[in-house]
Amino acid sequence: QVQLVEAGGGLVQTGGSLRLSCTASGVTVSSSDMGWFRQAPGKEREFVAGVTWRGSRYDTESVKGRFTISRDSAKNTVYLQMSSLKPEDTAVYYCAARPPGSGTYTYWGQGTPVTVSS
């Protein structure tokens, strides 16, 4: 059984930082494509950042230079370091995993909320 458990969300002021974590069980993060997504109130879920099983990283334009995805194979955990946070980053953040080469993220966490106050 695959489980992805996010943690680290909370309330932060504009310009602040947070680090989200996603601890996986039943799937190996270093053998999977891992991603972070977010969904703001009243909006559709959107991709934020991803890391392939080979270690290639990519992210969406709106977070470039501010967010960094990383993974710790020993802890089977993926992180999203977020800095210079803006009110528009307010959302529920979700971790997801998919088999390498698959076009669809198969497994999802329950989400962790992030609120950036102005």
N, C-alpha and C. Protein backbone atom coordinates (compact mmCIF):
# COMPACT_ATOMS: atom_id res chain seq x y z
N GLN A 1 0.85 -1.19 0.00
CA GLN A 1 0.00 0.00 0.00
C GLN A 1 0.89 1.24 0.00
N VAL A 2 0.62 2.14 -0.94
CA VAL A 2 1.41 3.36 -1.06
C VAL A 2 0.80 4.46 -0.21
N GLN A 3 1.66 5.13 0.54
CA GLN A 3 1.22 6.29 1.31
C GLN A 3 2.21 7.42 1.13
N LEU A 4 1.70 8.60 0.91
CA LEU A 4 2.50 9.82 0.85
C LEU A 4 1.97 10.75 1.93
N VAL A 5 2.82 11.13 2.85
CA VAL A 5 2.39 11.95 3.97
C VAL A 5 3.14 13.28 3.95
N GLU A 6 2.39 14.35 3.70
CA GLU A 6 2.99 15.69 3.68
C GLU A 6 2.99 16.30 5.07
N ALA A 7 3.93 17.18 5.29
CA ALA A 7 4.01 17.93 6.54
C ALA A 7 4.75 19.23 6.27
N GLY A 8 4.62 20.16 7.21
CA GLY A 8 5.39 21.39 7.12
C GLY A 8 4.62 22.63 6.73
N GLY A 9 3.36 22.46 6.39
CA GLY A 9 2.57 23.63 6.03
C GLY A 9 2.26 24.49 7.24
N GLY A 10 1.73 25.68 6.99
CA GLY A 10 1.38 26.56 8.09
C GLY A 10 1.16 27.97 7.62
N LEU A 11 1.16 28.88 8.57
CA LEU A 11 0.95 30.30 8.30
C LEU A 11 2.29 31.02 8.34
N VAL A 12 2.55 31.82 7.32
CA VAL A 12 3.81 32.54 7.23
C VAL A 12 3.54 33.92 6.63
N GLN A 13 4.37 34.88 6.97
CA GLN A 13 4.20 36.22 6.42
C GLN A 13 4.84 36.31 5.03
N THR A 14 4.41 37.29 4.28
CA THR A 14 5.00 37.55 2.97
C THR A 14 6.52 37.70 3.11
N GLY A 15 7.23 37.02 2.22
CA GLY A 15 8.69 37.05 2.26
C GLY A 15 9.31 35.96 3.10
N GLY A 16 8.49 35.22 3.81
CA GLY A 16 8.99 34.16 4.68
C GLY A 16 9.28 32.86 3.93
N SER A 17 9.67 31.86 4.70
CA SER A 17 10.04 30.57 4.13
C SER A 17 9.36 29.43 4.86
N LEU A 18 9.18 28.35 4.14
CA LEU A 18 8.68 27.10 4.71
C LEU A 18 9.33 25.95 3.97
N ARG A 19 9.48 24.82 4.64
CA ARG A 19 9.93 23.61 3.97
C ARG A 19 8.87 22.53 4.17
N LEU A 20 8.34 22.07 3.06
CA LEU A 20 7.38 20.97 3.08
C LEU A 20 8.12 19.66 2.91
N SER A 21 7.61 18.63 3.55
CA SER A 21 8.18 17.30 3.38
C SER A 21 7.09 16.33 2.94
N CYS A 22 7.52 15.31 2.24
CA CYS A 22 6.62 14.26 1.78
C CYS A 22 7.32 12.93 2.03
N THR A 23 6.88 12.22 3.04
CA THR A 23 7.48 10.94 3.37
C THR A 23 6.68 9.81 2.75
N ALA A 24 7.37 8.97 2.00
CA ALA A 24 6.69 7.93 1.25
C ALA A 24 6.87 6.56 1.87
N SER A 25 5.86 5.73 1.72
CA SER A 25 5.95 4.32 2.06
C SER A 25 5.23 3.54 0.97
N GLY A 26 5.77 2.35 0.67
CA GLY A 26 5.20 1.55 -0.39
C GLY A 26 5.68 1.95 -1.77
N VAL A 27 6.48 2.99 -1.86
CA VAL A 27 7.08 3.45 -3.11
C VAL A 27 8.42 4.08 -2.77
N THR A 28 9.39 3.92 -3.65
CA THR A 28 10.72 4.46 -3.43
C THR A 28 10.88 5.75 -4.20
N VAL A 29 11.16 6.84 -3.50
CA VAL A 29 11.19 8.15 -4.17
C VAL A 29 12.30 8.22 -5.20
N SER A 30 13.40 7.51 -4.99
CA SER A 30 14.52 7.57 -5.93
C SER A 30 14.26 6.71 -7.17
N SER A 31 13.20 5.93 -7.16
CA SER A 31 12.84 5.11 -8.31
C SER A 31 11.54 5.58 -8.96
N SER A 32 11.07 6.71 -8.53
CA SER A 32 9.80 7.24 -9.01
C SER A 32 9.98 8.68 -9.45
N ASP A 33 9.07 9.14 -10.28
CA ASP A 33 8.97 10.57 -10.54
C ASP A 33 8.10 11.16 -9.44
N MET A 34 8.61 12.18 -8.78
CA MET A 34 7.88 12.79 -7.67
C MET A 34 7.53 14.23 -8.01
N GLY A 35 6.38 14.67 -7.53
CA GLY A 35 5.97 16.03 -7.85
C GLY A 35 5.25 16.70 -6.70
N TRP A 36 5.29 18.01 -6.73
CA TRP A 36 4.49 18.83 -5.82
C TRP A 36 3.48 19.61 -6.66
N PHE A 37 2.26 19.61 -6.17
CA PHE A 37 1.18 20.35 -6.79
C PHE A 37 0.54 21.24 -5.73
N ARG A 38 -0.27 22.19 -6.18
CA ARG A 38 -1.00 23.01 -5.22
C ARG A 38 -2.37 23.37 -5.77
N GLN A 39 -3.28 23.61 -4.86
CA GLN A 39 -4.62 24.04 -5.25
C GLN A 39 -5.06 25.17 -4.33
N ALA A 40 -5.23 26.33 -4.94
CA ALA A 40 -5.70 27.50 -4.21
C ALA A 40 -7.23 27.50 -4.16
N PRO A 41 -7.82 28.19 -3.20
CA PRO A 41 -9.28 28.23 -3.10
C PRO A 41 -9.92 28.72 -4.39
N GLY A 42 -10.86 27.95 -4.90
CA GLY A 42 -11.58 28.34 -6.10
C GLY A 42 -10.82 28.15 -7.40
N LYS A 43 -9.64 27.53 -7.32
CA LYS A 43 -8.83 27.34 -8.52
C LYS A 43 -8.55 25.85 -8.74
N GLU A 44 -8.10 25.53 -9.94
CA GLU A 44 -7.75 24.17 -10.24
C GLU A 44 -6.36 23.85 -9.68
N ARG A 45 -6.14 22.57 -9.46
CA ARG A 45 -4.84 22.14 -9.00
C ARG A 45 -3.80 22.39 -10.08
N GLU A 46 -2.63 22.86 -9.67
CA GLU A 46 -1.57 23.14 -10.64
C GLU A 46 -0.25 22.52 -10.20
N PHE A 47 0.55 22.20 -11.19
CA PHE A 47 1.87 21.65 -10.95
C PHE A 47 2.79 22.74 -10.40
N VAL A 48 3.64 22.38 -9.44
CA VAL A 48 4.59 23.33 -8.87
C VAL A 48 6.03 22.94 -9.21
N ALA A 49 6.41 21.73 -8.86
CA ALA A 49 7.79 21.29 -9.08
C ALA A 49 7.84 19.78 -9.11
N GLY A 50 8.86 19.26 -9.82
CA GLY A 50 9.01 17.82 -9.90
C GLY A 50 10.47 17.40 -9.96
N VAL A 51 10.70 16.15 -9.60
CA VAL A 51 12.03 15.56 -9.73
C VAL A 51 11.85 14.16 -10.29
N THR A 52 12.58 13.88 -11.37
CA THR A 52 12.46 12.56 -11.99
C THR A 52 13.27 11.54 -11.22
N TRP A 53 13.06 10.28 -11.56
CA TRP A 53 13.79 9.22 -10.88
C TRP A 53 15.29 9.35 -11.11
N ARG A 54 15.66 10.01 -12.23
CA ARG A 54 17.07 10.23 -12.52
C ARG A 54 17.63 11.44 -11.79
N GLY A 55 16.76 12.21 -11.15
CA GLY A 55 17.23 13.36 -10.40
C GLY A 55 17.08 14.69 -11.11
N SER A 56 16.49 14.69 -12.30
CA SER A 56 16.28 15.95 -13.01
C SER A 56 15.15 16.72 -12.35
N ARG A 57 15.38 18.00 -12.17
CA ARG A 57 14.39 18.84 -11.50
C ARG A 57 13.78 19.84 -12.48
N TYR A 58 12.55 20.18 -12.26
CA TYR A 58 11.88 21.17 -13.08
C TYR A 58 10.76 21.79 -12.26
N ASP A 59 10.40 23.02 -12.60
CA ASP A 59 9.34 23.68 -11.85
C ASP A 59 8.60 24.66 -12.74
N THR A 60 7.51 25.15 -12.22
CA THR A 60 6.70 26.08 -12.98
C THR A 60 7.28 27.48 -12.88
N GLU A 61 6.99 28.29 -13.87
CA GLU A 61 7.60 29.61 -13.99
C GLU A 61 7.37 30.49 -12.76
N SER A 62 6.20 30.42 -12.18
CA SER A 62 5.85 31.32 -11.09
C SER A 62 6.65 31.08 -9.81
N VAL A 63 7.33 29.95 -9.72
CA VAL A 63 8.10 29.66 -8.50
C VAL A 63 9.60 29.58 -8.76
N LYS A 64 10.02 29.81 -9.99
CA LYS A 64 11.45 29.73 -10.32
C LYS A 64 12.25 30.71 -9.48
N GLY A 65 13.35 30.20 -8.92
CA GLY A 65 14.21 31.02 -8.09
C GLY A 65 13.74 31.16 -6.67
N ARG A 66 12.54 30.66 -6.37
CA ARG A 66 12.01 30.76 -5.01
C ARG A 66 11.78 29.39 -4.37
N PHE A 67 11.37 28.42 -5.15
CA PHE A 67 11.09 27.07 -4.63
C PHE A 67 12.12 26.09 -5.16
N THR A 68 12.49 25.14 -4.31
CA THR A 68 13.43 24.10 -4.72
C THR A 68 12.93 22.74 -4.25
N ILE A 69 12.86 21.81 -5.17
CA ILE A 69 12.50 20.44 -4.81
C ILE A 69 13.77 19.62 -4.62
N SER A 70 13.74 18.74 -3.64
CA SER A 70 14.88 17.86 -3.40
C SER A 70 14.37 16.55 -2.82
N ARG A 71 15.25 15.59 -2.73
CA ARG A 71 14.86 14.31 -2.16
C ARG A 71 16.00 13.75 -1.31
N ASP A 72 15.61 12.96 -0.33
CA ASP A 72 16.56 12.27 0.53
C ASP A 72 16.22 10.79 0.43
N SER A 73 17.03 10.08 -0.32
CA SER A 73 16.75 8.66 -0.56
C SER A 73 16.79 7.85 0.73
N ALA A 74 17.71 8.20 1.62
CA ALA A 74 17.84 7.45 2.88
C ALA A 74 16.57 7.56 3.72
N LYS A 75 15.91 8.72 3.65
CA LYS A 75 14.68 8.93 4.41
C LYS A 75 13.44 8.68 3.57
N ASN A 76 13.64 8.37 2.28
CA ASN A 76 12.53 8.15 1.36
C ASN A 76 11.56 9.33 1.41
N THR A 77 12.13 10.52 1.37
CA THR A 77 11.36 11.75 1.55
C THR A 77 11.71 12.76 0.47
N VAL A 78 10.71 13.48 0.03
CA VAL A 78 10.89 14.58 -0.92
C VAL A 78 10.53 15.88 -0.20
N TYR A 79 11.28 16.91 -0.51
CA TYR A 79 11.08 18.20 0.13
C TYR A 79 10.74 19.28 -0.90
N LEU A 80 10.07 20.30 -0.42
CA LEU A 80 9.86 21.50 -1.22
C LEU A 80 10.25 22.68 -0.34
N GLN A 81 11.40 23.25 -0.62
CA GLN A 81 11.85 24.43 0.11
C GLN A 81 11.27 25.65 -0.58
N MET A 82 10.51 26.42 0.18
CA MET A 82 9.84 27.59 -0.38
C MET A 82 10.36 28.84 0.31
N SER A 83 10.78 29.81 -0.44
CA SER A 83 11.27 31.06 0.12
C SER A 83 10.64 32.22 -0.64
N SER A 84 10.83 33.42 -0.10
CA SER A 84 10.23 34.63 -0.69
C SER A 84 8.76 34.41 -1.00
N LEU A 85 8.06 33.85 -0.03
CA LEU A 85 6.66 33.50 -0.24
C LEU A 85 5.79 34.72 -0.45
N LYS A 86 4.78 34.55 -1.30
CA LYS A 86 3.85 35.61 -1.65
C LYS A 86 2.43 35.17 -1.29
N PRO A 87 1.53 36.11 -1.10
CA PRO A 87 0.14 35.72 -0.81
C PRO A 87 -0.44 34.79 -1.88
N GLU A 88 -0.04 34.95 -3.12
CA GLU A 88 -0.56 34.08 -4.18
C GLU A 88 -0.03 32.65 -4.11
N ASP A 89 0.90 32.39 -3.20
CA ASP A 89 1.36 31.01 -2.98
C ASP A 89 0.44 30.26 -2.02
N THR A 90 -0.53 30.98 -1.46
CA THR A 90 -1.47 30.35 -0.53
C THR A 90 -2.26 29.25 -1.24
N ALA A 91 -2.21 28.05 -0.68
CA ALA A 91 -2.87 26.90 -1.31
C ALA A 91 -2.68 25.68 -0.43
N VAL A 92 -3.37 24.62 -0.78
CA VAL A 92 -3.07 23.31 -0.21
C VAL A 92 -2.05 22.65 -1.14
N TYR A 93 -0.96 22.19 -0.57
CA TYR A 93 0.12 21.60 -1.35
C TYR A 93 0.07 20.08 -1.23
N TYR A 94 0.16 19.44 -2.38
CA TYR A 94 0.06 17.99 -2.46
C TYR A 94 1.33 17.39 -3.04
N CYS A 95 1.71 16.27 -2.50
CA CYS A 95 2.81 15.46 -3.02
C CYS A 95 2.21 14.35 -3.88
N ALA A 96 2.92 14.00 -4.94
CA ALA A 96 2.42 12.95 -5.82
C ALA A 96 3.58 12.12 -6.36
N ALA A 97 3.28 10.90 -6.74
CA ALA A 97 4.29 9.99 -7.28
C ALA A 97 3.74 9.25 -8.49
N ARG A 98 4.64 8.90 -9.40
CA ARG A 98 4.23 8.10 -10.56
C ARG A 98 5.41 7.22 -10.98
N PRO A 99 5.11 6.11 -11.62
CA PRO A 99 6.19 5.28 -12.14
C PRO A 99 6.97 6.04 -13.20
N PRO A 100 8.27 5.81 -13.34
CA PRO A 100 9.06 6.50 -14.35
C PRO A 100 8.46 6.33 -15.75
N GLY A 101 8.36 7.42 -16.46
CA GLY A 101 7.84 7.37 -17.81
C GLY A 101 6.33 7.41 -17.91
N SER A 102 5.66 7.28 -16.81
CA SER A 102 4.20 7.35 -16.84
C SER A 102 3.75 8.80 -17.00
N GLY A 103 2.70 9.01 -17.69
CA GLY A 103 2.21 10.37 -17.88
C GLY A 103 1.30 10.83 -16.78
N THR A 104 0.92 9.95 -15.91
CA THR A 104 -0.07 10.28 -14.88
C THR A 104 0.50 10.02 -13.50
N TYR A 105 0.30 11.00 -12.62
CA TYR A 105 0.66 10.77 -11.23
C TYR A 105 -0.38 9.85 -10.60
N THR A 106 0.11 8.74 -10.09
CA THR A 106 -0.77 7.67 -9.63
C THR A 106 -1.14 7.80 -8.16
N TYR A 107 -0.19 8.25 -7.37
CA TYR A 107 -0.38 8.30 -5.92
C TYR A 107 -0.32 9.73 -5.42
N TRP A 108 -1.19 10.03 -4.47
CA TRP A 108 -1.30 11.39 -3.94
C TRP A 108 -1.35 11.37 -2.42
N GLY A 109 -0.78 12.42 -1.83
CA GLY A 109 -0.91 12.62 -0.41
C GLY A 109 -2.19 13.36 -0.08
N GLN A 110 -2.38 13.60 1.21
CA GLN A 110 -3.61 14.24 1.65
C GLN A 110 -3.54 15.76 1.60
N GLY A 111 -2.35 16.28 1.42
CA GLY A 111 -2.17 17.73 1.31
C GLY A 111 -1.82 18.39 2.63
N THR A 112 -1.11 19.48 2.51
CA THR A 112 -0.79 20.31 3.68
C THR A 112 -1.02 21.77 3.30
N PRO A 113 -1.76 22.51 4.14
CA PRO A 113 -2.12 23.87 3.76
C PRO A 113 -1.00 24.87 4.07
N VAL A 114 -0.85 25.80 3.15
CA VAL A 114 0.10 26.90 3.31
C VAL A 114 -0.67 28.21 3.14
N THR A 115 -0.54 29.08 4.12
CA THR A 115 -1.18 30.39 4.05
C THR A 115 -0.12 31.46 4.21
N VAL A 116 -0.06 32.36 3.23
CA VAL A 116 0.90 33.45 3.26
C VAL A 116 0.12 34.74 3.48
N SER A 117 0.38 35.37 4.59
CA SER A 117 -0.34 36.60 4.94
C SER A 117 0.40 37.82 4.39
N SER A 118 -0.40 38.81 4.01
CA SER A 118 0.20 40.03 3.44
C SER A 118 0.45 41.08 4.51
